[in-house]
PDB file of N, CA and C in Angstrom:
ATOM      1  N   MET A   1      22.649  14.530 239.120  1.00  0.00           N
ATOM      2  CA  MET A   1      23.148  14.404 237.797  1.00  0.00           C
ATOM      3  C   MET A   1      24.518  15.072 237.774  1.00  0.00           C
ATOM      4  N   GLY A   2      25.573  14.435 237.405  1.00  0.00           N
ATOM      5  CA  GLY A   2      26.889  15.022 237.303  1.00  0.00           C
ATOM      6  C   GLY A   2      27.048  15.789 235.988  1.00  0.00           C
ATOM      7  N   ARG A   3      27.954  16.538 235.841  1.00  0.00           N
ATOM      8  CA  ARG A   3      28.281  17.292 234.567  1.00  0.00           C
ATOM      9  C   ARG A   3      28.685  16.309 233.480  1.00  0.00           C
ATOM     10  N   GLN A   4      28.136  16.591 232.355  1.00  0.00           N
ATOM     11  CA  GLN A   4      28.544  15.796 231.179  1.00  0.00           C
ATOM     12  C   GLN A   4      29.926  16.372 230.497  1.00  0.00           C
ATOM     13  N   GLY A   5      30.039  17.702 230.626  1.00  0.00           N
ATOM     14  CA  GLY A   5      31.179  18.333 230.049  1.00  0.00           C
ATOM     15  C   GLY A   5      32.231  18.469 230.987  1.00  0.00           C
ATOM     16  N   THR A   6      33.257  19.364 230.614  1.00  0.00           N
ATOM     17  CA  THR A   6      34.386  19.587 231.608  1.00  0.00           C
ATOM     18  C   THR A   6      34.528  21.106 231.835  1.00  0.00           C
ATOM     19  N   MET A   7      34.676  21.356 233.147  1.00  0.00           N
ATOM     20  CA  MET A   7      34.911  22.741 233.474  1.00  0.00           C
ATOM     21  C   MET A   7      36.441  22.940 233.898  1.00  0.00           C
ATOM     22  N   LEU A   8      36.971  23.865 233.527  1.00  0.00           N
ATOM     23  CA  LEU A   8      38.408  24.249 233.761  1.00  0.00           C
ATOM     24  C   LEU A   8      38.527  25.694 233.945  1.00  0.00           C
ATOM     25  N   ASP A   9      39.579  26.011 234.747  1.00  0.00           N
ATOM     26  CA  ASP A   9      39.996  27.380 234.963  1.00  0.00           C
ATOM     27  C   ASP A   9      41.231  27.830 234.288  1.00  0.00           C
ATOM     28  N   LYS A  10      41.278  28.885 233.643  1.00  0.00           N
ATOM     29  CA  LYS A  10      42.507  29.468 232.868  1.00  0.00           C
ATOM     30  C   LYS A  10      42.692  30.788 233.334  1.00  0.00           C
ATOM     31  N   GLU A  11      43.903  31.145 233.566  1.00  0.00           N
ATOM     32  CA  GLU A  11      44.240  32.584 233.916  1.00  0.00           C
ATOM     33  C   GLU A  11      44.753  33.321 232.736  1.00  0.00           C
ATOM     34  N   ILE A  12      44.331  34.473 232.673  1.00  0.00           N
ATOM     35  CA  ILE A  12      44.726  35.356 231.491  1.00  0.00           C
ATOM     36  C   ILE A  12      45.256  36.758 232.110  1.00  0.00           C
ATOM     37  N   LYS A  13      46.334  37.055 231.636  1.00  0.00           N
ATOM     38  CA  LYS A  13      46.874  38.408 232.152  1.00  0.00           C
ATOM     39  C   LYS A  13      46.533  39.493 231.114  1.00  0.00           C
ATOM     40  N   SER A  14      45.937  40.576 231.715  1.00  0.00           N
ATOM     41  CA  SER A  14      45.606  41.673 230.919  1.00  0.00           C
ATOM     42  C   SER A  14      46.552  42.790 231.094  1.00  0.00           C
ATOM     43  N   GLN A  15      47.311  43.247 230.078  1.00  0.00           N
ATOM     44  CA  GLN A  15      48.232  44.288 230.090  1.00  0.00           C
ATOM     45  C   GLN A  15      47.508  45.708 230.275  1.00  0.00           C
ATOM     46  N   TYR A  16      46.277  45.786 229.713  1.00  0.00           N
ATOM     47  CA  TYR A  16      45.487  46.940 229.747  1.00  0.00           C
ATOM     48  C   TYR A  16      44.941  47.252 231.120  1.00  0.00           C
ATOM     49  N   LEU A  17      44.397  46.180 231.786  1.00  0.00           N
ATOM     50  CA  LEU A  17      43.826  46.403 233.112  1.00  0.00           C
ATOM     51  C   LEU A  17      44.834  46.037 234.267  1.00  0.00           C
ATOM     52  N   ASP A  18      45.947  45.570 233.818  1.00  0.00           N
ATOM     53  CA  ASP A  18      47.059  45.308 234.762  1.00  0.00           C
ATOM     54  C   ASP A  18      46.628  44.352 235.851  1.00  0.00           C
ATOM     55  N   GLU A  19      45.908  43.361 235.328  1.00  0.00           N
ATOM     56  CA  GLU A  19      45.467  42.249 236.399  1.00  0.00           C
ATOM     57  C   GLU A  19      45.339  40.927 235.697  1.00  0.00           C
ATOM     58  N   THR A  20      45.315  39.883 236.567  1.00  0.00           N
ATOM     59  CA  THR A  20      45.087  38.491 235.927  1.00  0.00           C
ATOM     60  C   THR A  20      43.697  38.131 236.283  1.00  0.00           C
ATOM     61  N   PHE A  21      42.983  37.586 235.223  1.00  0.00           N
ATOM     62  CA  PHE A  21      41.644  37.121 235.353  1.00  0.00           C
ATOM     63  C   PHE A  21      41.659  35.623 235.417  1.00  0.00           C
ATOM     64  N   VAL A  22      40.677  35.028 236.104  1.00  0.00           N
ATOM     65  CA  VAL A  22      40.408  33.520 235.998  1.00  0.00           C
ATOM     66  C   VAL A  22      39.110  33.437 235.091  1.00  0.00           C
ATOM     67  N   ILE A  23      39.412  32.756 234.039  1.00  0.00           N
ATOM     68  CA  ILE A  23      38.311  32.399 233.149  1.00  0.00           C
ATOM     69  C   ILE A  23      37.880  30.955 233.399  1.00  0.00           C
ATOM     70  N   LYS A  24      36.490  30.805 233.593  1.00  0.00           N
ATOM     71  CA  LYS A  24      35.957  29.424 233.847  1.00  0.00           C
ATOM     72  C   LYS A  24      35.507  29.020 232.377  1.00  0.00           C
ATOM     73  N   ILE A  25      36.020  27.874 231.984  1.00  0.00           N
ATOM     74  CA  ILE A  25      35.653  27.358 230.590  1.00  0.00           C
ATOM     75  C   ILE A  25      34.891  26.180 230.831  1.00  0.00           C
ATOM     76  N   TYR A  26      33.830  25.977 230.004  1.00  0.00           N
ATOM     77  CA  TYR A  26      33.090  24.715 230.082  1.00  0.00           C
ATOM     78  C   TYR A  26      32.955  24.174 228.745  1.00  0.00           C
ATOM     79  N   LYS A  27      33.603  23.064 228.522  1.00  0.00           N
ATOM     80  CA  LYS A  27      33.675  22.428 227.205  1.00  0.00           C
ATOM     81  C   LYS A  27      32.603  21.279 227.079  1.00  0.00           C
ATOM     82  N   PRO A  28      31.822  21.021 226.030  1.00  0.00           N
ATOM     83  CA  PRO A  28      30.942  20.002 226.028  1.00  0.00           C
ATOM     84  C   PRO A  28      31.568  18.617 226.042  1.00  0.00           C
ATOM     85  N   GLU A  29      30.705  17.689 226.394  1.00  0.00           N
ATOM     86  CA  GLU A  29      31.157  16.298 226.649  1.00  0.00           C
ATOM     87  C   GLU A  29      31.891  15.818 225.315  1.00  0.00           C
ATOM     88  N   ASN A  30      31.406  16.091 224.067  1.00  0.00           N
ATOM     89  CA  ASN A  30      32.005  15.609 222.931  1.00  0.00           C
ATOM     90  C   ASN A  30      33.216  16.429 222.473  1.00  0.00           C
ATOM     91  N   PHE A  31      33.820  17.291 223.250  1.00  0.00           N
ATOM     92  CA  PHE A  31      34.849  18.157 222.848  1.00  0.00           C
ATOM     93  C   PHE A  31      36.049  17.263 222.274  1.00  0.00           C
ATOM     94  N   SER A  32      36.554  17.951 221.059  1.00  0.00           N
ATOM     95  CA  SER A  32      37.646  17.313 220.449  1.00  0.00           C
ATOM     96  C   SER A  32      38.280  18.477 219.779  1.00  0.00           C
ATOM     97  N   PRO A  33      39.658  18.494 219.786  1.00  0.00           N
ATOM     98  CA  PRO A  33      40.370  19.661 219.060  1.00  0.00           C
ATOM     99  C   PRO A  33      40.237  19.434 217.533  1.00  0.00           C
ATOM    100  N   LEU A  34      39.543  18.422 217.159  1.00  0.00           N
ATOM    101  CA  LEU A  34      39.370  18.185 215.656  1.00  0.00           C
ATOM    102  C   LEU A  34      38.121  18.980 215.122  1.00  0.00           C
ATOM    103  N   TYR A  35      37.193  19.366 216.101  1.00  0.00           N
ATOM    104  CA  TYR A  35      35.967  20.089 215.612  1.00  0.00           C
ATOM    105  C   TYR A  35      36.345  21.544 215.765  1.00  0.00           C
ATOM    106  N   LYS A  36      35.408  22.310 215.138  1.00  0.00           N
ATOM    107  CA  LYS A  36      35.367  23.728 215.324  1.00  0.00           C
ATOM    108  C   LYS A  36      34.240  24.038 216.304  1.00  0.00           C
ATOM    109  N   TYR A  37      34.463  25.251 217.042  1.00  0.00           N
ATOM    110  CA  TYR A  37      33.448  25.469 218.157  1.00  0.00           C
ATOM    111  C   TYR A  37      33.185  27.020 218.029  1.00  0.00           C
ATOM    112  N   HIS A  38      31.986  27.372 218.457  1.00  0.00           N
ATOM    113  CA  HIS A  38      31.618  28.741 218.796  1.00  0.00           C
ATOM    114  C   HIS A  38      32.022  29.015 220.209  1.00  0.00           C
ATOM    115  N   ILE A  39      32.146  30.232 220.639  1.00  0.00           N
ATOM    116  CA  ILE A  39      32.449  30.566 221.878  1.00  0.00           C
ATOM    117  C   ILE A  39      31.484  31.579 222.487  1.00  0.00           C
ATOM    118  N   CYS A  40      30.854  31.284 223.675  1.00  0.00           N
ATOM    119  CA  CYS A  40      29.932  32.173 224.236  1.00  0.00           C
ATOM    120  C   CYS A  40      30.594  32.838 225.439  1.00  0.00           C
ATOM    121  N   ILE A  41      31.050  34.029 225.386  1.00  0.00           N
ATOM    122  CA  ILE A  41      31.682  34.772 226.461  1.00  0.00           C
ATOM    123  C   ILE A  41      30.617  35.396 227.344  1.00  0.00           C
ATOM    124  N   MET A  42      30.703  35.099 228.586  1.00  0.00           N
ATOM    125  CA  MET A  42      29.831  35.593 229.575  1.00  0.00           C
ATOM    126  C   MET A  42      30.474  36.487 230.567  1.00  0.00           C
ATOM    127  N   GLN A  43      30.092  37.719 230.622  1.00  0.00           N
ATOM    128  CA  GLN A  43      30.558  38.608 231.710  1.00  0.00           C
ATOM    129  C   GLN A  43      29.671  38.261 232.885  1.00  0.00           C
ATOM    130  N   ASP A  44      30.144  38.402 234.131  1.00  0.00           N
ATOM    131  CA  ASP A  44      29.428  37.975 235.297  1.00  0.00           C
ATOM    132  C   ASP A  44      29.327  36.460 235.252  1.00  0.00           C
ATOM    133  N   GLY A  45      30.482  35.880 234.789  1.00  0.00           N
ATOM    134  CA  GLY A  45      30.568  34.446 234.525  1.00  0.00           C
ATOM    135  C   GLY A  45      29.981  33.536 235.694  1.00  0.00           C
ATOM    136  N   ASP A  46      30.549  33.815 236.992  1.00  0.00           N
ATOM    137  CA  ASP A  46      30.060  32.967 237.980  1.00  0.00           C
ATOM    138  C   ASP A  46      28.617  33.005 238.310  1.00  0.00           C
ATOM    139  N   ASP A  47      28.034  34.233 238.084  1.00  0.00           N
ATOM    140  CA  ASP A  47      26.481  34.398 238.123  1.00  0.00           C
ATOM    141  C   ASP A  47      25.751  33.372 237.104  1.00  0.00           C
ATOM    142  N   TYR A  48      26.256  33.348 235.905  1.00  0.00           N
ATOM    143  CA  TYR A  48      25.671  32.582 234.940  1.00  0.00           C
ATOM    144  C   TYR A  48      25.866  31.155 235.163  1.00  0.00           C
ATOM    145  N   TYR A  49      27.047  30.572 235.747  1.00  0.00           N
ATOM    146  CA  TYR A  49      27.167  29.273 236.135  1.00  0.00           C
ATOM    147  C   TYR A  49      26.393  28.872 237.212  1.00  0.00           C
ATOM    148  N   GLN A  50      26.285  29.686 238.271  1.00  0.00           N
ATOM    149  CA  GLN A  50      25.628  29.348 239.514  1.00  0.00           C
ATOM    150  C   GLN A  50      24.116  29.606 239.492  1.00  0.00           C
ATOM    151  N   LEU A  51      23.769  30.772 239.115  1.00  0.00           N
ATOM    152  CA  LEU A  51      22.300  31.126 239.247  1.00  0.00           C
ATOM    153  C   LEU A  51      21.665  30.745 237.861  1.00  0.00           C
ATOM    154  N   GLY A  52      22.341  30.912 236.735  1.00  0.00           N
ATOM    155  CA  GLY A  52      21.673  30.555 235.517  1.00  0.00           C
ATOM    156  C   GLY A  52      21.925  29.131 235.075  1.00  0.00           C
ATOM    157  N   ARG A  53      22.622  28.462 235.754  1.00  0.00           N
ATOM    158  CA  ARG A  53      23.084  27.025 235.456  1.00  0.00           C
ATOM    159  C   ARG A  53      23.519  26.905 233.988  1.00  0.00           C
ATOM    160  N   ALA A  54      24.514  27.691 233.593  1.00  0.00           N
ATOM    161  CA  ALA A  54      24.948  27.687 232.226  1.00  0.00           C
ATOM    162  C   ALA A  54      25.500  26.380 231.846  1.00  0.00           C
ATOM    163  N   ALA A  55      26.185  25.538 232.786  1.00  0.00           N
ATOM    164  CA  ALA A  55      26.685  24.268 232.337  1.00  0.00           C
ATOM    165  C   ALA A  55      25.613  23.263 232.162  1.00  0.00           C
ATOM    166  N   THR A  56      24.623  23.217 233.024  1.00  0.00           N
ATOM    167  CA  THR A  56      23.523  22.400 232.823  1.00  0.00           C
ATOM    168  C   THR A  56      22.697  22.646 231.554  1.00  0.00           C
ATOM    169  N   VAL A  57      22.486  23.891 231.290  1.00  0.00           N
ATOM    170  CA  VAL A  57      21.872  24.260 230.023  1.00  0.00           C
ATOM    171  C   VAL A  57      22.614  23.879 228.782  1.00  0.00           C
ATOM    172  N   SER A  58      24.108  24.039 228.867  1.00  0.00           N
ATOM    173  CA  SER A  58      24.830  23.551 227.795  1.00  0.00           C
ATOM    174  C   SER A  58      24.772  22.072 227.712  1.00  0.00           C
ATOM    175  N   ASP A  59      24.768  21.330 228.738  1.00  0.00           N
ATOM    176  CA  ASP A  59      24.632  19.817 228.656  1.00  0.00           C
ATOM    177  C   ASP A  59      23.327  19.468 227.880  1.00  0.00           C
ATOM    178  N   ARG A  60      22.305  20.129 228.314  1.00  0.00           N
ATOM    179  CA  ARG A  60      20.983  19.831 227.861  1.00  0.00           C
ATOM    180  C   ARG A  60      20.922  20.141 226.361  1.00  0.00           C
ATOM    181  N   LEU A  61      21.223  21.328 225.978  1.00  0.00           N
ATOM    182  CA  LEU A  61      21.182  21.714 224.571  1.00  0.00           C
ATOM    183  C   LEU A  61      22.144  20.996 223.622  1.00  0.00           C
ATOM    184  N   HIS A  62      23.322  20.555 224.141  1.00  0.00           N
ATOM    185  CA  HIS A  62      24.149  19.710 223.251  1.00  0.00           C
ATOM    186  C   HIS A  62      23.625  18.387 223.099  1.00  0.00           C
ATOM    187  N   SER A  63      23.072  17.679 224.203  1.00  0.00           N
ATOM    188  CA  SER A  63      22.604  16.400 224.119  1.00  0.00           C
ATOM    189  C   SER A  63      21.302  16.332 223.267  1.00  0.00           C
ATOM    190  N   LYS A  64      20.639  17.304 223.118  1.00  0.00           N
ATOM    191  CA  LYS A  64      19.431  17.265 222.217  1.00  0.00           C
ATOM    192  C   LYS A  64      19.707  17.958 220.808  1.00  0.00           C
ATOM    193  N   SER A  65      20.986  18.227 220.610  1.00  0.00           N
ATOM    194  CA  SER A  65      21.473  18.846 219.335  1.00  0.00           C
ATOM    195  C   SER A  65      20.603  20.060 219.012  1.00  0.00           C
ATOM    196  N   GLU A  66      20.232  20.853 220.091  1.00  0.00           N
ATOM    197  CA  GLU A  66      19.642  22.050 219.869  1.00  0.00           C
ATOM    198  C   GLU A  66      20.653  23.389 219.815  1.00  0.00           C
ATOM    199  N   ILE A  67      21.848  22.969 219.896  1.00  0.00           N
ATOM    200  CA  ILE A  67      22.897  24.060 219.874  1.00  0.00           C
ATOM    201  C   ILE A  67      24.070  23.440 219.096  1.00  0.00           C
ATOM    202  N   GLU A  68      24.870  24.274 218.297  1.00  0.00           N
ATOM    203  CA  GLU A  68      25.944  23.881 217.592  1.00  0.00           C
ATOM    204  C   GLU A  68      27.110  23.745 218.778  1.00  0.00           C
ATOM    205  N   ASN A  69      28.187  23.134 218.268  1.00  0.00           N
ATOM    206  CA  ASN A  69      29.259  22.902 219.201  1.00  0.00           C
ATOM    207  C   ASN A  69      29.675  24.408 219.778  1.00  0.00           C
ATOM    208  N   THR A  70      29.604  24.489 221.104  1.00  0.00           N
ATOM    209  CA  THR A  70      29.788  25.745 221.686  1.00  0.00           C
ATOM    210  C   THR A  70      30.572  25.520 223.033  1.00  0.00           C
ATOM    211  N   ILE A  71      31.564  26.313 223.250  1.00  0.00           N
ATOM    212  CA  ILE A  71      32.330  26.407 224.430  1.00  0.00           C
ATOM    213  C   ILE A  71      31.788  27.687 225.153  1.00  0.00           C
ATOM    214  N   PHE A  72      31.629  27.510 226.543  1.00  0.00           N
ATOM    215  CA  PHE A  72      31.295  28.720 227.221  1.00  0.00           C
ATOM    216  C   PHE A  72      32.312  29.142 228.109  1.00  0.00           C
ATOM    217  N   ALA A  73      32.606  30.477 228.122  1.00  0.00           N
ATOM    218  CA  ALA A  73      33.757  31.055 228.936  1.00  0.00           C
ATOM    219  C   ALA A  73      33.096  32.138 229.805  1.00  0.00           C
ATOM    220  N   GLY A  74      33.437  31.953 231.115  1.00  0.00           N
ATOM    221  CA  GLY A  74      32.827  32.895 232.123  1.00  0.00           C
ATOM    222  C   GLY A  74      33.835  33.797 232.742  1.00  0.00           C
ATOM    223  N   ILE A  75      33.723  35.103 232.572  1.00  0.00           N
ATOM    224  CA  ILE A  75      34.709  36.187 233.190  1.00  0.00           C
ATOM    225  C   ILE A  75      33.875  36.774 234.404  1.00  0.00           C
ATOM    226  N   HIS A  76      34.420  36.648 235.538  1.00  0.00           N
ATOM    227  CA  HIS A  76      33.712  37.115 236.692  1.00  0.00           C
ATOM    228  C   HIS A  76      34.484  38.344 237.386  1.00  0.00           C
ATOM    229  N   TYR A  77      33.765  39.086 238.117  1.00  0.00           N
ATOM    230  CA  TYR A  77      34.280  40.258 238.899  1.00  0.00           C
ATOM    231  C   TYR A  77      34.642  39.903 240.230  1.00  0.00           C
ATOM    232  N   LYS A  78      35.452  40.671 240.808  1.00  0.00           N
ATOM    233  CA  LYS A  78      35.818  40.595 242.344  1.00  0.00           C
ATOM    234  C   LYS A  78      34.810  40.982 243.269  1.00  0.00           C
ATOM    235  N   ASP A  79      34.154  41.974 243.082  1.00  0.00           N
ATOM    236  CA  ASP A  79      33.169  42.553 243.990  1.00  0.00           C
ATOM    237  C   ASP A  79      32.359  43.538 243.220  1.00  0.00           C
ATOM    238  N   ARG A  80      31.387  44.196 243.822  1.00  0.00           N
ATOM    239  CA  ARG A  80      30.505  45.164 243.025  1.00  0.00           C
ATOM    240  C   ARG A  80      31.230  46.346 242.699  1.00  0.00           C
ATOM    241  N   TYR A  81      32.205  46.712 243.332  1.00  0.00           N
ATOM    242  CA  TYR A  81      33.049  47.866 243.053  1.00  0.00           C
ATOM    243  C   TYR A  81      33.943  47.631 241.774  1.00  0.00           C
ATOM    244  N   ASP A  82      34.396  46.395 241.658  1.00  0.00           N
ATOM    245  CA  ASP A  82      35.264  45.970 240.567  1.00  0.00           C
ATOM    246  C   ASP A  82      34.340  45.865 239.251  1.00  0.00           C
ATOM    247  N   ARG A  83      33.171  45.422 239.576  1.00  0.00           N
ATOM    248  CA  ARG A  83      32.192  45.265 238.468  1.00  0.00           C
ATOM    249  C   ARG A  83      31.840  46.644 237.826  1.00  0.00           C
ATOM    250  N   TRP A  84      31.584  47.636 238.689  1.00  0.00           N
ATOM    251  CA  TRP A  84      31.267  48.935 238.373  1.00  0.00           C
ATOM    252  C   TRP A  84      32.464  49.596 237.581  1.00  0.00           C
ATOM    253  N   ASP A  85      33.603  49.500 238.105  1.00  0.00           N
ATOM    254  CA  ASP A  85      34.808  50.045 237.306  1.00  0.00           C
ATOM    255  C   ASP A  85      35.075  49.412 235.961  1.00  0.00           C
ATOM    256  N   LYS A  86      34.702  48.105 235.813  1.00  0.00           N
ATOM    257  CA  LYS A  86      34.962  47.637 234.576  1.00  0.00           C
ATOM    258  C   LYS A  86      33.739  47.655 233.570  1.00  0.00           C
ATOM    259  N   TYR A  87      32.512  47.631 234.085  1.00  0.00           N
ATOM    260  CA  TYR A  87      31.382  47.570 233.066  1.00  0.00           C
ATOM    261  C   TYR A  87      30.641  48.855 232.828  1.00  0.00           C
ATOM    262  N   HIS A  88      30.729  49.761 233.994  1.00  0.00           N
ATOM    263  CA  HIS A  88      29.872  50.909 233.758  1.00  0.00           C
ATOM    264  C   HIS A  88      30.583  52.020 233.008  1.00  0.00           C
ATOM    265  N   PRO A  89      29.806  52.760 232.203  1.00  0.00           N
ATOM    266  CA  PRO A  89      30.479  53.735 231.337  1.00  0.00           C
ATOM    267  C   PRO A  89      31.308  54.863 232.028  1.00  0.00           C
ATOM    268  N   ASP A  90      30.945  55.098 233.309  1.00  0.00           N
ATOM    269  CA  ASP A  90      31.733  56.026 234.095  1.00  0.00           C
ATOM    270  C   ASP A  90      32.840  55.254 234.991  1.00  0.00           C
ATOM    271  N   GLY A  91      32.969  53.972 234.821  1.00  0.00           N
ATOM    272  CA  GLY A  91      33.968  53.297 235.510  1.00  0.00           C
ATOM    273  C   GLY A  91      35.335  53.635 235.086  1.00  0.00           C
ATOM    274  N   GLU A  92      36.283  53.345 235.924  1.00  0.00           N
ATOM    275  CA  GLU A  92      37.670  53.759 235.667  1.00  0.00           C
ATOM    276  C   GLU A  92      38.406  52.848 234.656  1.00  0.00           C
ATOM    277  N   LYS A  93      37.785  51.598 234.545  1.00  0.00           N
ATOM    278  CA  LYS A  93      38.427  50.606 233.599  1.00  0.00           C
ATOM    279  C   LYS A  93      37.659  50.460 232.348  1.00  0.00           C
TER     280      LYS A  93
END
């Protein structure tokens, strides 16, 4: 089964962290700029898309009208050290 929605990558430059992030955005099949959407921001984004199958879950929930219009945005880390620096209270970022 192919994806019903659309996955796209956007780059966002953070002046605070002094780096550019790639955000993976999944828009539902019925996406239109005329509608309003909720946004679900997922840290560890690639993990949610690959292991948690977030895009497949989004398709299923939207097709059954079990979720309001929602766009999923996944922000991922480079490696475990980068994740520690950004998410841990003792991390440098």
